[in-house]
Protein backbone atom coordinates (compact mmCIF):
# COMPACT_ATOMS: atom_id res chain seq x y z
CA MET A 1 0.06 0.10 -0.01
CA SER A 2 1.47 3.41 -1.11
CA ASN A 3 2.11 5.94 1.70
CA LEU A 4 2.26 8.94 -1.06
CA THR A 5 0.18 11.81 -0.30
CA ASP A 6 2.02 14.47 -2.30
CA ARG A 7 0.39 15.11 -5.86
CA TYR A 8 3.36 15.82 -7.56
CA ILE A 9 7.10 14.12 -7.06
CA ASN A 10 9.86 15.87 -5.78
CA PRO A 11 12.62 16.82 -8.37
CA LEU A 12 15.30 16.68 -6.58
CA THR A 13 15.20 13.07 -5.98
CA ASP A 14 17.04 11.06 -8.10
CA PHE A 15 13.92 9.38 -9.70
CA GLY A 16 12.16 12.54 -9.83
CA PHE A 17 14.95 14.21 -11.39
CA LYS A 18 15.51 11.41 -14.11
CA LYS A 19 11.56 11.28 -14.74
CA LEU A 20 11.28 14.74 -15.45
CA PHE A 21 14.23 15.58 -17.38
CA GLY A 22 16.02 12.33 -18.31
CA THR A 23 13.39 10.73 -20.73
CA GLU A 24 13.31 11.23 -24.53
CA PRO A 25 9.61 12.39 -23.87
CA ASN A 26 10.48 14.99 -21.74
CA LYS A 27 13.53 16.33 -23.05
CA ASP A 28 12.05 19.92 -24.01
CA LEU A 29 11.80 20.15 -20.07
CA LEU A 30 15.61 19.65 -20.00
CA ILE A 31 16.24 21.63 -23.10
CA ASP A 32 13.79 24.65 -21.53
CA PHE A 33 15.72 24.70 -18.22
CA LEU A 34 19.19 24.60 -19.78
CA ASN A 35 18.74 27.36 -21.91
CA GLN A 36 17.68 29.62 -18.96
CA ILE A 37 21.26 29.39 -17.99
CA LEU A 38 23.51 28.66 -20.87
CA PRO A 39 24.68 31.73 -23.09
CA GLU A 40 22.87 32.68 -26.20
CA ARG A 41 25.47 31.08 -28.57
CA HIS A 42 25.16 27.79 -27.00
CA GLN A 43 21.16 28.07 -26.79
CA ILE A 44 20.12 24.22 -27.52
CA LYS A 45 17.31 23.20 -29.91
CA ASP A 46 17.49 19.54 -29.41
CA LEU A 47 20.17 17.13 -27.61
CA ASN A 48 20.27 13.53 -27.38
CA TYR A 49 20.65 11.73 -24.11
CA ALA A 50 24.10 9.58 -23.89
CA LYS A 51 25.62 6.86 -21.64
CA ASN A 52 25.85 8.59 -18.13
CA GLU A 53 28.24 5.95 -17.12
CA GLN A 54 31.96 7.11 -18.56
CA LEU A 55 35.24 4.95 -17.83
CA GLY A 56 38.62 6.16 -17.80
CA GLN A 57 41.13 4.86 -20.52
CA ALA A 58 43.23 2.91 -18.47
CA GLU A 59 41.80 -0.10 -16.47
CA LEU A 60 42.56 1.50 -13.14
CA ASP A 61 41.02 4.61 -13.72
CA ARG A 62 37.91 5.26 -11.44
CA LYS A 63 34.28 4.95 -13.23
CA ALA A 64 32.39 8.57 -12.96
CA VAL A 65 28.76 8.26 -13.12
CA PHE A 66 26.56 11.29 -13.94
CA ASP A 67 22.97 11.96 -13.23
CA LEU A 68 22.42 13.02 -16.73
CA TYR A 69 24.64 13.33 -19.83
CA CYS A 70 23.61 14.35 -23.40
CA ILE A 71 25.12 16.29 -26.37
CA GLY A 72 23.57 18.94 -27.98
CA LYS A 73 23.04 18.87 -31.85
CA SER A 74 26.14 21.41 -32.20
CA GLY A 75 28.24 18.77 -30.13
CA GLU A 76 28.13 20.50 -26.73
CA ARG A 77 28.36 18.19 -23.87
CA PHE A 78 26.05 18.63 -20.93
CA ILE A 79 26.82 16.91 -17.28
CA VAL A 80 23.53 17.87 -15.37
CA GLU A 81 23.48 16.60 -11.90
CA VAL A 82 21.54 17.55 -8.68
CA GLN A 83 23.71 17.44 -5.41
CA LYS A 84 21.56 16.83 -2.25
CA ALA A 85 24.36 17.56 0.23
CA LYS A 86 27.95 19.21 0.97
CA GLN A 87 30.71 16.53 0.19
CA ASN A 88 34.28 17.15 0.73
CA TYR A 89 36.32 18.14 -2.54
CA PHE A 90 33.21 18.71 -4.53
CA LYS A 91 34.57 21.00 -7.04
CA ASP A 92 37.28 18.65 -7.19
CA ARG A 93 34.77 16.03 -8.39
CA SER A 94 33.30 18.54 -10.89
CA ILE A 95 36.44 18.99 -12.47
CA TYR A 96 37.08 15.14 -12.54
CA TYR A 97 33.79 14.39 -14.20
CA ALA A 98 34.23 17.19 -16.63
CA SER A 99 37.79 15.66 -17.92
CA PHE A 100 35.58 12.45 -19.21
CA PRO A 101 33.46 14.21 -21.86
CA ILE A 102 36.71 16.09 -22.84
CA GLN A 103 38.53 12.73 -23.23
CA GLU A 104 36.06 11.16 -25.65
CA GLN A 105 36.18 13.80 -28.33
CA ALA A 106 39.91 12.51 -28.97
CA LYS A 107 40.04 11.10 -32.79
CA LYS A 108 42.05 8.54 -33.81
CA GLY A 109 44.74 9.34 -36.67
CA ASP A 110 45.30 12.97 -37.75
CA TRP A 111 43.24 15.25 -35.06
CA ASP A 112 43.89 19.09 -34.77
CA PHE A 113 42.57 18.93 -30.95
CA ARG A 114 39.62 20.95 -31.77
CA GLN A 115 36.98 20.17 -28.83
CA ASP A 116 32.82 21.03 -28.48
CA PRO A 117 32.30 22.98 -25.38
CA VAL A 118 31.49 21.07 -22.40
CA TYR A 119 29.24 22.53 -19.65
CA THR A 120 28.96 20.95 -15.93
CA VAL A 121 25.60 22.10 -14.68
CA GLY A 122 25.16 21.51 -10.77
CA VAL A 123 21.61 21.92 -9.34
CA LEU A 124 22.85 22.42 -5.68
CA ASP A 125 20.51 21.61 -2.50
CA PHE A 126 23.03 23.47 -0.24
CA ILE A 127 25.10 26.66 -0.07
CA PHE A 128 28.92 26.66 -0.73
CA ASP A 129 30.76 27.92 2.29
CA ASP A 130 32.90 30.17 0.43
CA HIS A 131 29.28 32.07 -0.75
CA LYS A 132 26.80 31.62 1.93
CA ASN A 133 27.43 35.57 2.75
CA GLU A 134 26.57 36.56 -0.51
CA GLU A 135 23.02 37.11 -2.18
CA GLY A 136 23.97 35.46 -5.51
CA LEU A 137 22.82 32.26 -6.51
CA LEU A 138 23.65 31.59 -9.73
CA HIS A 139 27.57 31.22 -10.46
CA LEU A 140 28.95 30.49 -13.75
CA ILE A 141 32.69 29.52 -13.81
CA GLU A 142 35.11 29.87 -16.73
CA LEU A 143 39.11 29.77 -17.02
CA LYS A 144 40.20 33.10 -17.04
CA ASN A 145 43.57 34.88 -17.40
CA GLU A 146 45.46 37.54 -15.00
CA ARG A 147 43.41 40.21 -16.26
CA CYS A 148 40.09 38.44 -15.52
CA GLU A 149 39.64 37.74 -19.47
CA VAL A 150 38.01 34.40 -20.74
CA PHE A 151 41.34 32.20 -22.03
CA TYR A 152 38.94 29.28 -22.90
CA ASP A 153 35.42 29.53 -23.69
CA LYS A 154 34.42 25.91 -24.04
CA LEU A 155 34.71 24.84 -20.58
CA LYS A 156 32.06 26.03 -18.27
CA PHE A 157 30.89 25.04 -14.69
CA ILE A 158 27.42 26.16 -13.68
CA TYR A 159 26.07 25.86 -10.37
CA ILE A 160 22.46 26.83 -8.69
CA GLU A 161 22.26 27.32 -5.24
CA LEU A 162 18.68 26.39 -4.32
CA PRO A 163 18.39 27.38 -0.77
CA LYS A 164 19.07 31.16 -1.59
CA PHE A 165 16.00 31.13 -3.56
CA LYS A 166 13.35 32.78 -1.60
CA LYS A 167 10.47 34.01 -3.99
CA THR A 168 7.01 33.16 -3.37
CA GLN A 169 4.68 32.42 -6.24
CA GLU A 170 3.62 36.09 -6.12
CA GLU A 171 7.40 37.36 -6.59
CA LEU A 172 8.11 35.19 -9.88
CA GLU A 173 9.30 37.49 -12.25
CA SER A 174 11.22 35.65 -15.00
CA HIS A 175 11.07 32.25 -16.55
CA PHE A 176 14.27 31.48 -14.23
CA ASP A 177 12.44 32.21 -11.41
CA LYS A 178 9.77 30.01 -12.44
CA TRP A 179 12.17 27.23 -12.77
CA LEU A 180 13.62 27.56 -9.49
CA TYR A 181 10.43 27.82 -7.87
CA VAL A 182 9.43 24.35 -9.42
CA PHE A 183 12.76 22.56 -8.13
CA ARG A 184 12.25 23.86 -4.51
CA HIS A 185 8.07 23.72 -4.22
CA LEU A 186 7.15 21.01 -6.56
CA SER A 187 6.14 18.46 -4.43
CA GLU A 188 4.67 20.98 -1.99
CA LEU A 189 1.87 22.11 -4.52
CA GLN A 190 -1.64 20.73 -4.62
CA ASP A 191 -2.60 22.86 -7.62
CA ARG A 192 -1.04 24.37 -10.63
CA PRO A 193 -0.22 27.92 -9.37
CA GLN A 194 -1.37 30.93 -12.28
CA GLN A 195 2.07 31.98 -12.63
CA LEU A 196 3.27 28.71 -14.00
CA GLN A 197 0.77 28.19 -16.63
CA ASP A 198 3.32 28.24 -19.48
CA ARG A 199 2.99 25.29 -21.76
CA ILE A 200 6.20 23.95 -20.75
CA PHE A 201 5.23 23.89 -17.01
CA GLN A 202 1.88 22.64 -17.77
CA LYS A 203 3.89 19.67 -19.56
CA LEU A 204 5.84 19.48 -16.37
CA PHE A 205 2.76 18.96 -13.96
CA ASP A 206 1.40 16.14 -16.21
CA ALA A 207 4.73 14.42 -15.77
CA ALA A 208 5.31 14.79 -12.43
CA GLU A 209 1.65 13.98 -11.12
CA ILE A 210 2.14 10.62 -8.82
CA ALA A 211 -1.55 9.35 -9.48
CA LYS A 212 -0.53 8.93 -13.48
CA PHE A 213 2.31 6.35 -12.45
CA SER A 214 2.59 2.87 -12.67
CA GLN A 215 2.68 0.59 -9.42
CA VAL A 216 6.21 -0.17 -10.70
CA GLU A 217 6.90 3.56 -10.89
CA ARG A 218 5.35 4.47 -7.49
CA ALA A 219 7.18 1.79 -5.64
CA ALA A 220 10.65 3.40 -7.50
CA TYR A 221 9.46 6.81 -6.28
CA GLU A 222 9.12 5.95 -2.95
CA GLU A 223 11.96 4.17 -2.31
CA SER A 224 14.01 7.14 -3.84
CA LEU A 225 11.88 9.36 -1.71
CA LYS A 226 12.75 7.44 1.49
CA TYR A 227 16.43 7.60 0.47
CA TYR A 228 16.25 11.65 -0.07
CA ARG A 229 14.41 12.24 3.29
CA ASP A 230 16.88 9.75 5.24
CA ILE A 231 19.95 11.99 3.68
CA LYS A 232 17.98 15.08 4.79
CA ASN A 233 17.53 13.79 8.38
CA VAL A 234 21.03 12.69 8.90
CA ILE A 235 22.41 16.07 7.69
CA ASP A 236 20.07 17.99 9.84
CA THR A 237 20.89 15.81 12.79
CA SER A 238 24.47 16.19 12.35
CA ARG A 239 23.90 19.75 12.05
CA GLU A 240 22.26 20.13 15.24
CA GLU A 241 24.59 17.97 16.89
CA GLY A 242 27.47 20.32 15.74
CA LEU A 243 29.40 17.66 13.70
CA GLU A 244 29.36 20.20 10.56
CA GLU A 245 30.85 23.11 12.97
CA GLY A 246 33.39 20.44 14.11
CA ILE A 247 34.22 19.28 10.60
CA GLU A 248 34.68 23.31 9.73
CA GLU A 249 36.95 23.97 12.97
CA GLY A 250 39.08 21.15 12.23
CA ARG A 251 39.47 22.07 8.85
CA LYS A 252 40.59 25.38 9.97
CA GLU A 253 42.94 24.20 12.48
CA GLY A 254 44.45 21.78 10.10
CA ARG A 255 43.37 19.00 12.11
CA LYS A 256 43.36 16.34 9.29
CA GLU A 257 42.52 13.21 11.41
CA GLY A 258 39.72 14.95 13.33
CA ARG A 259 37.93 16.06 10.25
CA LYS A 260 38.23 12.64 8.50
CA GLU A 261 36.63 10.80 11.92
CA ARG A 262 33.88 13.18 11.66
CA THR A 263 33.19 12.57 7.91
CA LEU A 264 33.01 8.97 9.22
CA GLU A 265 30.76 9.64 11.63
CA ILE A 266 28.55 11.19 9.36
CA ALA A 267 29.01 8.44 6.94
CA ARG A 268 28.19 5.72 9.49
CA ALA A 269 25.10 7.26 10.30
CA LEU A 270 24.02 7.42 6.38
CA ARG A 271 24.96 3.97 6.27
CA ASP A 272 22.58 2.83 9.37
CA ASN A 273 19.78 4.77 7.74
CA ALA A 274 20.22 2.26 5.13
CA ILE A 275 21.59 4.70 2.12
CA PRO A 276 22.97 3.11 -0.56
CA ILE A 277 26.88 3.02 -0.99
CA ASP A 278 26.63 5.12 -4.14
CA MET A 279 24.96 7.86 -2.33
CA ILE A 280 27.06 8.01 0.86
CA MET A 281 30.03 8.13 -1.52
CA LYS A 282 28.55 11.37 -3.44
CA SER A 283 27.56 12.82 -0.05
CA THR A 284 30.49 12.31 1.92
CA GLY A 285 33.52 11.91 -0.51
CA LEU A 286 34.56 8.64 0.79
CA SER A 287 35.53 5.64 -1.18
CA LYS A 288 33.32 2.44 -1.68
CA GLU A 289 36.40 0.73 0.22
CA GLU A 290 36.42 3.03 3.21
CA ILE A 291 32.42 2.64 3.76
CA GLU A 292 32.51 -1.04 3.58
CA ARG A 293 35.14 -0.74 6.44
CA LEU A 294 33.04 1.22 8.63
């Protein structure tokens, strides 16, 4: 028997995000969202989904698994992910993931090294520590020289800090505002707000309506929602107990062992709440071997 009471799915769950943005029938939703944050010269008219698992060139290279990986008709590569919790070395991870769509463009034989643009897009359910005192929630990162001039315009990282978005329905102004509101509040809605009557959002509401799911889809969503809520609960509990403050204090004082131990405590709590290993890895930055040893 289902325990779901919401009308619409939560797009920040793994199932919800891939249901709305990772299927061929709904790819116009992803295109519309991406076009709100991409530069005008790289607006997308169409795209194809690619395999979201990338392997390194050497056998010992680590495997990278993206939430979504797609290629525009002009060759642009897009890694699109939802990140539900802070993790150690998050920025390092983004750089590492971006290296895969760069490497896959290599051609055998004569090749002039020309690359198509690579974008990493992160929808973050947290705020960067180094941006917590800033109002801006959209970050566009490029390679620049010492004069702050763009040195290379084909590698970009775009991050959205969702918790900073506080607008109500009545305050929504731009199409981008509407998308952020959907990410933050879709699962709380019981009707379709007047401000979200655009055709693209009507399609999103239709795709997100839980009552239209098959039994298999409902079961998969319930499981995904449970994982999401467990992670949020553990993170909130950890914050209340001062674990995050302890990690930050340890980082400032250079107590590497203390940081590690507190990270392990969080990982242990996630594991005890039956969170899958791959999600614990993503949330803490620990390796599979480290988690299995707990």
